[in-house]
Amino acid sequence: SSGSAALVADTLVQSATLIPPIALLGAFYVVTAALTNV
């Protein structure tokens, strides 16, 4: 509701213009796994 998720998503998409969507999908796995381990 605050737009925090949309802001992070926009930042990710803009910074990942040079990588294919499948790499971004893998990035979500890696970031979530790193968070979950902590």
Full PDB file with SEQRES, HELIX, SHEET, SSBOND, CRYST1, ORIGX, SCALE, CONECT and MASTER records, all heavy atoms in Angstrom:
SEQRES   1 A   38  SER SER GLY SER ALA ALA LEU VAL ALA ASP THR LEU VAL          
SEQRES   2 A   38  GLN SER ALA THR LEU ILE PRO PRO ILE ALA LEU LEU GLY          
SEQRES   3 A   38  ALA PHE TYR VAL VAL THR ALA ALA LEU THR ASN VAL              
HELIX    1 AA1 SER A    4  SER A   15  1                                  12    
HELIX    2 AA2 PRO A   21  THR A   36  1                                  16    
CRYST1    1.000    1.000    1.000  90.00  90.00  90.00 P 1           1          
ORIGX1      1.000000  0.000000  0.000000        0.00000                         
ORIGX2      0.000000  1.000000  0.000000        0.00000                         
ORIGX3      0.000000  0.000000  1.000000        0.00000                         
SCALE1      1.000000  0.000000  0.000000        0.00000                         
SCALE2      0.000000  1.000000  0.000000        0.00000                         
SCALE3      0.000000  0.000000  1.000000        0.00000                         
ATOM      1  N   SER A   1       0.814  -1.223   0.000  1.00  0.00           N  
ATOM      2  CA  SER A   1       0.000   0.000   0.000  1.00  0.00           C  
ATOM      3  C   SER A   1       0.846   1.271   0.000  1.00  0.00           C  
ATOM      4  O   SER A   1       0.434   2.294  -0.550  1.00  0.00           O  
ATOM      5  CB  SER A   1      -0.933   0.002   1.215  1.00  0.00           C  
ATOM      6  OG  SER A   1      -0.183   0.035   2.424  1.00  0.00           O  
ATOM      7  N   SER A   2       2.046   1.207   0.584  1.00  0.00           N  
ATOM      8  CA  SER A   2       2.905   2.391   0.652  1.00  0.00           C  
ATOM      9  C   SER A   2       3.666   2.639  -0.648  1.00  0.00           C  
ATOM     10  O   SER A   2       4.190   3.730  -0.866  1.00  0.00           O  
ATOM     11  CB  SER A   2       3.904   2.251   1.801  1.00  0.00           C  
ATOM     12  OG  SER A   2       4.843   1.221   1.520  1.00  0.00           O  
ATOM     13  N   GLY A   3       3.754   1.623  -1.485  1.00  0.00           N  
ATOM     14  CA  GLY A   3       4.545   1.740  -2.707  1.00  0.00           C  
ATOM     15  C   GLY A   3       5.972   1.283  -2.541  1.00  0.00           C  
ATOM     16  O   GLY A   3       6.766   1.357  -3.496  1.00  0.00           O  
ATOM     17  N   SER A   4       6.331   0.766  -1.359  1.00  0.00           N  
ATOM     18  CA  SER A   4       7.711   0.306  -1.120  1.00  0.00           C  
ATOM     19  C   SER A   4       8.082  -0.834  -2.059  1.00  0.00           C  
ATOM     20  O   SER A   4       9.184  -0.856  -2.626  1.00  0.00           O  
ATOM     21  CB  SER A   4       7.865  -0.161   0.336  1.00  0.00           C  
ATOM     22  OG  SER A   4       7.580   0.873   1.236  1.00  0.00           O  
ATOM     23  N   ALA A   5       7.161  -1.784  -2.232  1.00  0.00           N  
ATOM     24  CA  ALA A   5       7.442  -2.919  -3.109  1.00  0.00           C  
ATOM     25  C   ALA A   5       7.631  -2.462  -4.548  1.00  0.00           C  
ATOM     26  O   ALA A   5       8.531  -2.929  -5.254  1.00  0.00           O  
ATOM     27  CB  ALA A   5       6.304  -3.939  -3.018  1.00  0.00           C  
ATOM     28  N   ALA A   6       6.788  -1.522  -4.988  1.00  0.00           N  
ATOM     29  CA  ALA A   6       6.895  -1.016  -6.363  1.00  0.00           C  
ATOM     30  C   ALA A   6       8.210  -0.275  -6.574  1.00  0.00           C  
ATOM     31  O   ALA A   6       8.832  -0.378  -7.640  1.00  0.00           O  
ATOM     32  CB  ALA A   6       5.713  -0.105  -6.667  1.00  0.00           C  
ATOM     33  N   LEU A   7       8.653   0.486  -5.543  1.00  0.00           N  
ATOM     34  CA  LEU A   7       9.908   1.226  -5.661  1.00  0.00           C  
ATOM     35  C   LEU A   7      11.096   0.271  -5.808  1.00  0.00           C  
ATOM     36  O   LEU A   7      11.971   0.466  -6.671  1.00  0.00           O  
ATOM     37  CB  LEU A   7      10.108   2.118  -4.430  1.00  0.00           C  
ATOM     38  CG  LEU A   7      11.419   2.899  -4.370  1.00  0.00           C  
ATOM     39  CD1 LEU A   7      11.523   3.876  -5.543  1.00  0.00           C  
ATOM     40  CD2 LEU A   7      11.547   3.647  -3.040  1.00  0.00           C  
ATOM     41  N   VAL A   8      11.136  -0.771  -4.972  1.00  0.00           N  
ATOM     42  CA  VAL A   8      12.221  -1.749  -5.055  1.00  0.00           C  
ATOM     43  C   VAL A   8      12.186  -2.459  -6.404  1.00  0.00           C  
ATOM     44  O   VAL A   8      13.222  -2.676  -7.046  1.00  0.00           O  
ATOM     45  CB  VAL A   8      12.134  -2.772  -3.891  1.00  0.00           C  
ATOM     46  CG1 VAL A   8      13.194  -3.847  -4.050  1.00  0.00           C  
ATOM     47  CG2 VAL A   8      12.275  -2.078  -2.552  1.00  0.00           C  
ATOM     48  N   ALA A   9      10.974  -2.821  -6.851  1.00  0.00           N  
ATOM     49  CA  ALA A   9      10.833  -3.513  -8.135  1.00  0.00           C  
ATOM     50  C   ALA A   9      11.318  -2.632  -9.288  1.00  0.00           C  
ATOM     51  O   ALA A   9      12.031  -3.098 -10.191  1.00  0.00           O  
ATOM     52  CB  ALA A   9       9.380  -3.911  -8.349  1.00  0.00           C  
ATOM     53  N   ASP A  10      10.945  -1.359  -9.274  1.00  0.00           N  
ATOM     54  CA  ASP A  10      11.395  -0.433 -10.325  1.00  0.00           C  
ATOM     55  C   ASP A  10      12.908  -0.334 -10.355  1.00  0.00           C  
ATOM     56  O   ASP A  10      13.534  -0.339 -11.415  1.00  0.00           O  
ATOM     57  CB  ASP A  10      10.793   0.957 -10.096  1.00  0.00           C  
ATOM     58  CG  ASP A  10       9.391   1.074 -10.669  1.00  0.00           C  
ATOM     59  OD1 ASP A  10       8.913   0.080 -11.243  1.00  0.00           O  
ATOM     60  OD2 ASP A  10       8.784   2.149 -10.531  1.00  0.00           O  
ATOM     61  N   THR A  11      13.487  -0.253  -9.157  1.00  0.00           N  
ATOM     62  CA  THR A  11      14.950  -0.161  -9.062  1.00  0.00           C  
ATOM     63  C   THR A  11      15.608  -1.411  -9.632  1.00  0.00           C  
ATOM     64  O   THR A  11      16.605  -1.334 -10.366  1.00  0.00           O  
ATOM     65  CB  THR A  11      15.369   0.033  -7.591  1.00  0.00           C  
ATOM     66  OG1 THR A  11      14.705   1.169  -7.056  1.00  0.00           O  
ATOM     67  CG2 THR A  11      16.879   0.222  -7.480  1.00  0.00           C  
ATOM     68  N   LEU A  12      15.042  -2.577  -9.297  1.00  0.00           N  
ATOM     69  CA  LEU A  12      15.592  -3.834  -9.799  1.00  0.00           C  
ATOM     70  C   LEU A  12      15.501  -3.914 -11.320  1.00  0.00           C  
ATOM     71  O   LEU A  12      16.463  -4.276 -12.001  1.00  0.00           O  
ATOM     72  CB  LEU A  12      14.835  -5.026  -9.190  1.00  0.00           C  
ATOM     73  CG  LEU A  12      15.212  -5.461  -7.779  1.00  0.00           C  
ATOM     74  CD1 LEU A  12      14.248  -6.530  -7.290  1.00  0.00           C  
ATOM     75  CD2 LEU A  12      16.637  -5.988  -7.741  1.00  0.00           C  
ATOM     76  N   VAL A  13      14.349  -3.558 -11.863  1.00  0.00           N  
ATOM     77  CA  VAL A  13      14.135  -3.675 -13.306  1.00  0.00           C  
ATOM     78  C   VAL A  13      15.054  -2.725 -14.071  1.00  0.00           C  
ATOM     79  O   VAL A  13      15.659  -3.087 -15.084  1.00  0.00           O  
ATOM     80  CB  VAL A  13      12.654  -3.403 -13.645  1.00  0.00           C  
ATOM     81  CG1 VAL A  13      12.462  -3.302 -15.160  1.00  0.00           C  
ATOM     82  CG2 VAL A  13      11.767  -4.504 -13.075  1.00  0.00           C  
ATOM     83  N   GLN A  14      15.184  -1.496 -13.554  1.00  0.00           N  
ATOM     84  CA  GLN A  14      16.033  -0.516 -14.241  1.00  0.00           C  
ATOM     85  C   GLN A  14      17.508  -0.889 -14.176  1.00  0.00           C  
ATOM     86  O   GLN A  14      18.262  -0.638 -15.112  1.00  0.00           O  
ATOM     87  CB  GLN A  14      15.814   0.871 -13.636  1.00  0.00           C  
ATOM     88  CG  GLN A  14      14.459   1.458 -13.985  1.00  0.00           C  
ATOM     89  CD  GLN A  14      14.300   2.883 -13.479  1.00  0.00           C  
ATOM     90  OE1 GLN A  14      15.274   3.538 -13.133  1.00  0.00           O  
ATOM     91  NE2 GLN A  14      13.059   3.356 -13.442  1.00  0.00           N  
ATOM     92  N   SER A  15      17.906  -1.493 -13.057  1.00  0.00           N  
ATOM     93  CA  SER A  15      19.319  -1.874 -12.919  1.00  0.00           C  
ATOM     94  C   SER A  15      19.632  -3.186 -13.625  1.00  0.00           C  
ATOM     95  O   SER A  15      20.794  -3.568 -13.734  1.00  0.00           O  
ATOM     96  CB  SER A  15      19.685  -1.992 -11.429  1.00  0.00           C  
ATOM     97  OG  SER A  15      18.936  -3.030 -10.823  1.00  0.00           O  
ATOM     98  N   ALA A  16      18.591  -3.885 -14.072  1.00  0.00           N  
ATOM     99  CA  ALA A  16      18.796  -5.198 -14.695  1.00  0.00           C  
ATOM    100  C   ALA A  16      18.416  -5.191 -16.171  1.00  0.00           C  
ATOM    101  O   ALA A  16      18.019  -6.216 -16.722  1.00  0.00           O  
ATOM    102  CB  ALA A  16      17.989  -6.257 -13.948  1.00  0.00           C  
ATOM    103  N   THR A  17      18.533  -4.032 -16.805  1.00  0.00           N  
ATOM    104  CA  THR A  17      18.148  -3.937 -18.219  1.00  0.00           C  
ATOM    105  C   THR A  17      19.041  -4.765 -19.124  1.00  0.00           C  
ATOM    106  O   THR A  17      18.648  -5.127 -20.230  1.00  0.00           O  
ATOM    107  CB  THR A  17      18.178  -2.468 -18.668  1.00  0.00           C  
ATOM    108  OG1 THR A  17      19.468  -1.917 -18.341  1.00  0.00           O  
ATOM    109  CG2 THR A  17      17.092  -1.658 -17.985  1.00  0.00           C  
ATOM    110  N   LEU A  18      20.259  -5.066 -18.670  1.00  0.00           N  
ATOM    111  CA  LEU A  18      21.207  -5.785 -19.511  1.00  0.00           C  
ATOM    112  C   LEU A  18      21.154  -7.297 -19.318  1.00  0.00           C  
ATOM    113  O   LEU A  18      21.873  -8.032 -19.983  1.00  0.00           O  
ATOM    114  CB  LEU A  18      22.635  -5.284 -19.250  1.00  0.00           C  
ATOM    115  CG  LEU A  18      22.891  -3.802 -19.544  1.00  0.00           C  
ATOM    116  CD1 LEU A  18      24.328  -3.426 -19.212  1.00  0.00           C  
ATOM    117  CD2 LEU A  18      22.590  -3.482 -21.009  1.00  0.00           C  
ATOM    118  N   ILE A  19      20.320  -7.762 -18.378  1.00  0.00           N  
ATOM    119  CA  ILE A  19      20.243  -9.212 -18.149  1.00  0.00           C  
ATOM    120  C   ILE A  19      18.861  -9.715 -18.527  1.00  0.00           C  
ATOM    121  O   ILE A  19      17.868  -8.999 -18.426  1.00  0.00           O  
ATOM    122  CB  ILE A  19      20.561  -9.589 -16.685  1.00  0.00           C  
ATOM    123  CG1 ILE A  19      19.506  -9.015 -15.729  1.00  0.00           C  
ATOM    124  CG2 ILE A  19      21.951  -9.141 -16.300  1.00  0.00           C  
ATOM    125  CD1 ILE A  19      19.667  -9.489 -14.299  1.00  0.00           C  
ATOM    126  N   PRO A  20      18.739 -10.951 -18.994  1.00  0.00           N  
ATOM    127  CA  PRO A  20      17.434 -11.496 -19.406  1.00  0.00           C  
ATOM    128  C   PRO A  20      16.538 -11.738 -18.191  1.00  0.00           C  
ATOM    129  O   PRO A  20      17.023 -11.879 -17.060  1.00  0.00           O  
ATOM    130  CB  PRO A  20      17.809 -12.809 -20.096  1.00  0.00           C  
ATOM    131  CG  PRO A  20      19.119 -13.199 -19.498  1.00  0.00           C  
ATOM    132  CD  PRO A  20      19.830 -11.906 -19.208  1.00  0.00           C  
ATOM    133  N   PRO A  21      15.219 -11.809 -18.393  1.00  0.00           N  
ATOM    134  CA  PRO A  21      14.288 -12.040 -17.283  1.00  0.00           C  
ATOM    135  C   PRO A  21      14.587 -13.304 -16.483  1.00  0.00           C  
ATOM    136  O   PRO A  21      14.381 -13.331 -15.274  1.00  0.00           O  
ATOM    137  CB  PRO A  21      12.927 -12.136 -17.993  1.00  0.00           C  
ATOM    138  CG  PRO A  21      13.092 -11.323 -19.232  1.00  0.00           C  
ATOM    139  CD  PRO A  21      14.523 -11.542 -19.661  1.00  0.00           C  
ATOM    140  N   ILE A  22      15.088 -14.366 -17.161  1.00  0.00           N  
ATOM    141  CA  ILE A  22      15.377 -15.603 -16.422  1.00  0.00           C  
ATOM    142  C   ILE A  22      16.485 -15.382 -15.395  1.00  0.00           C  
ATOM    143  O   ILE A  22      16.476 -15.973 -14.315  1.00  0.00           O  
ATOM    144  CB  ILE A  22      15.741 -16.754 -17.394  1.00  0.00           C  
ATOM    145  CG1 ILE A  22      15.821 -18.077 -16.610  1.00  0.00           C  
ATOM    146  CG2 ILE A  22      17.044 -16.482 -18.134  1.00  0.00           C  
ATOM    147  CD1 ILE A  22      16.024 -19.292 -17.486  1.00  0.00           C  
ATOM    148  N   ALA A  23      17.436 -14.493 -15.708  1.00  0.00           N  
ATOM    149  CA  ALA A  23      18.499 -14.179 -14.742  1.00  0.00           C  
ATOM    150  C   ALA A  23      17.925 -13.408 -13.562  1.00  0.00           C  
ATOM    151  O   ALA A  23      18.345 -13.598 -12.412  1.00  0.00           O  
ATOM    152  CB  ALA A  23      19.597 -13.375 -15.426  1.00  0.00           C  
ATOM    153  N   LEU A  24      16.941 -12.540 -13.840  1.00  0.00           N  
ATOM    154  CA  LEU A  24      16.284 -11.809 -12.763  1.00  0.00           C  
ATOM    155  C   LEU A  24      15.489 -12.767 -11.872  1.00  0.00           C  
ATOM    156  O   LEU A  24      15.452 -12.613 -10.650  1.00  0.00           O  
ATOM    157  CB  LEU A  24      15.362 -10.735 -13.350  1.00  0.00           C  
ATOM    158  CG  LEU A  24      14.920  -9.617 -12.406  1.00  0.00           C  
ATOM    159  CD1 LEU A  24      16.107  -8.902 -11.786  1.00  0.00           C  
ATOM    160  CD2 LEU A  24      14.035  -8.616 -13.153  1.00  0.00           C  
ATOM    161  N   LEU A  25      14.882 -13.776 -12.487  1.00  0.00           N  
ATOM    162  CA  LEU A  25      14.179 -14.814 -11.732  1.00  0.00           C  
ATOM    163  C   LEU A  25      15.156 -15.520 -10.787  1.00  0.00           C  
ATOM    164  O   LEU A  25      14.858 -15.723  -9.599  1.00  0.00           O  
ATOM    165  CB  LEU A  25      13.565 -15.823 -12.699  1.00  0.00           C  
ATOM    166  CG  LEU A  25      12.808 -17.001 -12.083  1.00  0.00           C  
ATOM    167  CD1 LEU A  25      11.508 -16.540 -11.452  1.00  0.00           C  
ATOM    168  CD2 LEU A  25      12.515 -18.071 -13.150  1.00  0.00           C  
ATOM    169  N   GLY A  26      16.336 -15.875 -11.319  1.00  0.00           N  
ATOM    170  CA  GLY A  26      17.357 -16.498 -10.477  1.00  0.00           C  
ATOM    171  C   GLY A  26      17.830 -15.573  -9.377  1.00  0.00           C  
ATOM    172  O   GLY A  26      18.117 -16.020  -8.252  1.00  0.00           O  
ATOM    173  N   ALA A  27      17.895 -14.270  -9.685  1.00  0.00           N  
ATOM    174  CA  ALA A  27      18.321 -13.298  -8.673  1.00  0.00           C  
ATOM    175  C   ALA A  27      17.351 -13.262  -7.501  1.00  0.00           C  
ATOM    176  O   ALA A  27      17.765 -13.112  -6.345  1.00  0.00           O  
ATOM    177  CB  ALA A  27      18.451 -11.910  -9.300  1.00  0.00           C  
ATOM    178  N   PHE A  28      16.053 -13.405  -7.800  1.00  0.00           N  
ATOM    179  CA  PHE A  28      15.072 -13.433  -6.706  1.00  0.00           C  
ATOM    180  C   PHE A  28      15.300 -14.647  -5.803  1.00  0.00           C  
ATOM    181  O   PHE A  28      15.165 -14.556  -4.581  1.00  0.00           O  
ATOM    182  CB  PHE A  28      13.645 -13.435  -7.267  1.00  0.00           C  
ATOM    183  CG  PHE A  28      13.073 -12.060  -7.411  1.00  0.00           C  
ATOM    184  CD1 PHE A  28      13.075 -11.423  -8.629  1.00  0.00           C  
ATOM    185  CD2 PHE A  28      12.566 -11.393  -6.315  1.00  0.00           C  
ATOM    186  CE1 PHE A  28      12.575 -10.141  -8.770  1.00  0.00           C  
ATOM    187  CE2 PHE A  28      12.052 -10.108  -6.431  1.00  0.00           C  
ATOM    188  CZ  PHE A  28      12.063  -9.476  -7.660  1.00  0.00           C  
ATOM    189  N   TYR A  29      15.622 -15.800  -6.407  1.00  0.00           N  
ATOM    190  CA  TYR A  29      15.931 -16.980  -5.584  1.00  0.00           C  
ATOM    191  C   TYR A  29      17.133 -16.691  -4.695  1.00  0.00           C  
ATOM    192  O   TYR A  29      17.106 -16.943  -3.479  1.00  0.00           O  
ATOM    193  CB  TYR A  29      16.213 -18.201  -6.463  1.00  0.00           C  
ATOM    194  CG  TYR A  29      16.520 -19.441  -5.639  1.00  0.00           C  
ATOM    195  CD1 TYR A  29      15.540 -20.384  -5.392  1.00  0.00           C  
ATOM    196  CD2 TYR A  29      17.779 -19.640  -5.077  1.00  0.00           C  
ATOM    197  CE1 TYR A  29      15.804 -21.502  -4.605  1.00  0.00           C  
ATOM    198  CE2 TYR A  29      18.057 -20.751  -4.296  1.00  0.00           C  
ATOM    199  CZ  TYR A  29      17.065 -21.675  -4.062  1.00  0.00           C  
ATOM    200  OH  TYR A  29      17.333 -22.765  -3.266  1.00  0.00           O  
ATOM    201  N   VAL A  30      18.199 -16.147  -5.271  1.00  0.00           N  
ATOM    202  CA  VAL A  30      19.447 -15.921  -4.530  1.00  0.00           C  
ATOM    203  C   VAL A  30      19.241 -14.924  -3.396  1.00  0.00           C  
ATOM    204  O   VAL A  30      19.668 -15.156  -2.255  1.00  0.00           O  
ATOM    205  CB  VAL A  30      20.553 -15.434  -5.495  1.00  0.00           C  
ATOM    206  CG1 VAL A  30      21.788 -14.989  -4.709  1.00  0.00           C  
ATOM    207  CG2 VAL A  30      20.918 -16.525  -6.487  1.00  0.00           C  
ATOM    208  N   VAL A  31      18.564 -13.811  -3.676  1.00  0.00           N  
ATOM    209  CA  VAL A  31      18.346 -12.782  -2.647  1.00  0.00           C  
ATOM    210  C   VAL A  31      17.470 -13.327  -1.522  1.00  0.00           C  
ATOM    211  O   VAL A  31      17.754 -13.120  -0.325  1.00  0.00           O  
ATOM    212  CB  VAL A  31      17.719 -11.523  -3.265  1.00  0.00           C  
ATOM    213  CG1 VAL A  31      17.308 -10.535  -2.169  1.00  0.00           C  
ATOM    214  CG2 VAL A  31      18.699 -10.852  -4.221  1.00  0.00           C  
ATOM    215  N   THR A  32      16.399 -14.036  -1.896  1.00  0.00           N  
ATOM    216  CA  THR A  32      15.510 -14.593  -0.865  1.00  0.00           C  
ATOM    217  C   THR A  32      16.235 -15.635  -0.021  1.00  0.00           C  
ATOM    218  O   THR A  32      16.091 -15.665   1.211  1.00  0.00           O  
ATOM    219  CB  THR A  32      14.264 -15.238  -1.516  1.00  0.00           C  
ATOM    220  OG1 THR A  32      13.629 -14.281  -2.355  1.00  0.00           O  
ATOM    221  CG2 THR A  32      13.288 -15.700  -0.452  1.00  0.00           C  
ATOM    222  N   ALA A  33      17.025 -16.494  -0.668  1.00  0.00           N  
ATOM    223  CA  ALA A  33      17.786 -17.509   0.074  1.00  0.00           C  
ATOM    224  C   ALA A  33      18.768 -16.852   1.030  1.00  0.00           C  
ATOM    225  O   ALA A  33      18.920 -17.290   2.189  1.00  0.00           O  
ATOM    226  CB  ALA A  33      18.520 -18.425  -0.902  1.00  0.00           C  
ATOM    227  N   ALA A  34      19.441 -15.802   0.581  1.00  0.00           N  
ATOM    228  CA  ALA A  34      20.396 -15.094   1.445  1.00  0.00           C  
ATOM    229  C   ALA A  34      19.682 -14.491   2.648  1.00  0.00           C  
ATOM    230  O   ALA A  34      20.168 -14.577   3.789  1.00  0.00           O  
ATOM    231  CB  ALA A  34      21.116 -14.009   0.649  1.00  0.00           C  
ATOM    232  N   LEU A  35      18.509 -13.886   2.409  1.00  0.00           N  
ATOM    233  CA  LEU A  35      17.727 -13.318   3.513  1.00  0.00           C  
ATOM    234  C   LEU A  35      17.299 -14.396   4.491  1.00  0.00           C  
ATOM    235  O   LEU A  35      17.422 -14.247   5.712  1.00  0.00           O  
ATOM    236  CB  LEU A  35      16.475 -12.629   2.965  1.00  0.00           C  
ATOM    237  CG  LEU A  35      16.523 -11.130   2.698  1.00  0.00           C  
ATOM    238  CD1 LEU A  35      15.181 -10.675   2.144  1.00  0.00           C  
ATOM    239  CD2 LEU A  35      16.870 -10.364   3.958  1.00  0.00           C  
ATOM    240  N   THR A  36      16.787 -15.514   3.955  1.00  0.00           N  
ATOM    241  CA  THR A  36      16.251 -16.582   4.796  1.00  0.00           C  
ATOM    242  C   THR A  36      17.327 -17.216   5.662  1.00  0.00           C  
ATOM    243  O   THR A  36      17.044 -17.680   6.774  1.00  0.00           O  
ATOM    244  CB  THR A  36      15.575 -17.657   3.920  1.00  0.00           C  
ATOM    245  OG1 THR A  36      14.601 -17.029   3.099  1.00  0.00           O  
ATOM    246  CG2 THR A  36      14.895 -18.716   4.764  1.00  0.00           C  
ATOM    247  N   ASN A  37      18.549 -17.246   5.181  1.00  0.00           N  
ATOM    248  CA  ASN A  37      19.641 -17.822   5.973  1.00  0.00           C  
ATOM    249  C   ASN A  37      20.039 -16.937   7.144  1.00  0.00           C  
ATOM    250  O   ASN A  37      20.825 -17.356   7.994  1.00  0.00           O  
ATOM    251  CB  ASN A  37      20.852 -18.081   5.075  1.00  0.00           C  
ATOM    252  CG  ASN A  37      20.757 -19.413   4.357  1.00  0.00           C  
ATOM    253  OD1 ASN A  37      20.878 -20.463   4.970  1.00  0.00           O  
ATOM    254  ND2 ASN A  37      20.517 -19.377   3.047  1.00  0.00           N  
ATOM    255  N   VAL A  38      19.494 -15.730   7.188  1.00  0.00           N  
ATOM    256  CA  VAL A  38      19.820 -14.803   8.280  1.00  0.00           C  
ATOM    257  C   VAL A  38      18.603 -14.503   9.139  1.00  0.00           C  
ATOM    258  O   VAL A  38      18.699 -14.388  10.356  1.00  0.00           O  
ATOM    259  CB  VAL A  38      20.406 -13.487   7.707  1.00  0.00           C  
ATOM    260  CG1 VAL A  38      20.712 -12.504   8.838  1.00  0.00           C  
ATOM    261  CG2 VAL A  38      21.656 -13.765   6.898  1.00  0.00           C  
TER     262      VAL A  38                                                      
MASTER        0    0    0    2    0    0    0    6  261    1    0    3          
END                                                                             
